[in-house]
Amino acid sequence: MAKRRAAAPLALVLVLALGCVNAPGRQAGPATAHSPSGAVNRQSLPGGCGTTQVYAGVPPPTWAWSGFRYQPGDAWHVPWALSHSGTALAYLFARQLVAGDARPDGSSNKVLWVTRDHPGGLRIEAHPAGDAEPVITIQGAITYANQMPSEVDLPTPGCWSFDLSWGQAFSNTDGLSLLVLPAGTVPATP
């Protein structure tokens, strides 16, 4: 009888512990939910804000490799940022965005947007983080079935939120946040 009494509390603890680990709807925190593989070797770069981080030196998820010549084990040199839910990605050929796309070195705010699924169409609306306006719509043609190249021209510096929607009736949604530097700034070389 004593063995049954001792086993009951232990069984209850195990059930509760497993329920917490596998609870429906439970999500990992931002630091672990979207950490790229090889997180120990990654290089986090400036350019992200809010919970978004920009990476280089480690490849993004394999679904975002179309159009790139990459061999596993090589360093990934194009900076990228993964969306909040991990279903979209932004390649930052510009390294960091600059307000008004005014750069003394003549470079531009080139961003390649990629979705995990074939979007059919992709709609991106940018607005200052925490503000509903102004809303800047980013458009472009879909390439490689899941990519949209764009020039991102935003009027003011600060943290900007990018709301992405795609798929049938634009029912898939995700987002990320990127820092926009003041006009005339040249982003630092990593």
Foldseek 3Di string as FASTA:
>chain_A
DVVVVVVVVVVVVVVVVVCVVPPPPDADDLVPRQQAPVNVQWDWAAWFDDSKTKIWQGDHPPLPCPPHDDDPPGTGGFIKIAWPNRFKIKGFNLSHAAAQQAEPVPDFRKIKIFGSAQFVAKWKWKAAPPDPDDIDIWHADDDPRTIGITTDHHHAFAKMKIWMFGHDVSPDITIGITTYHYHHDRDDDD
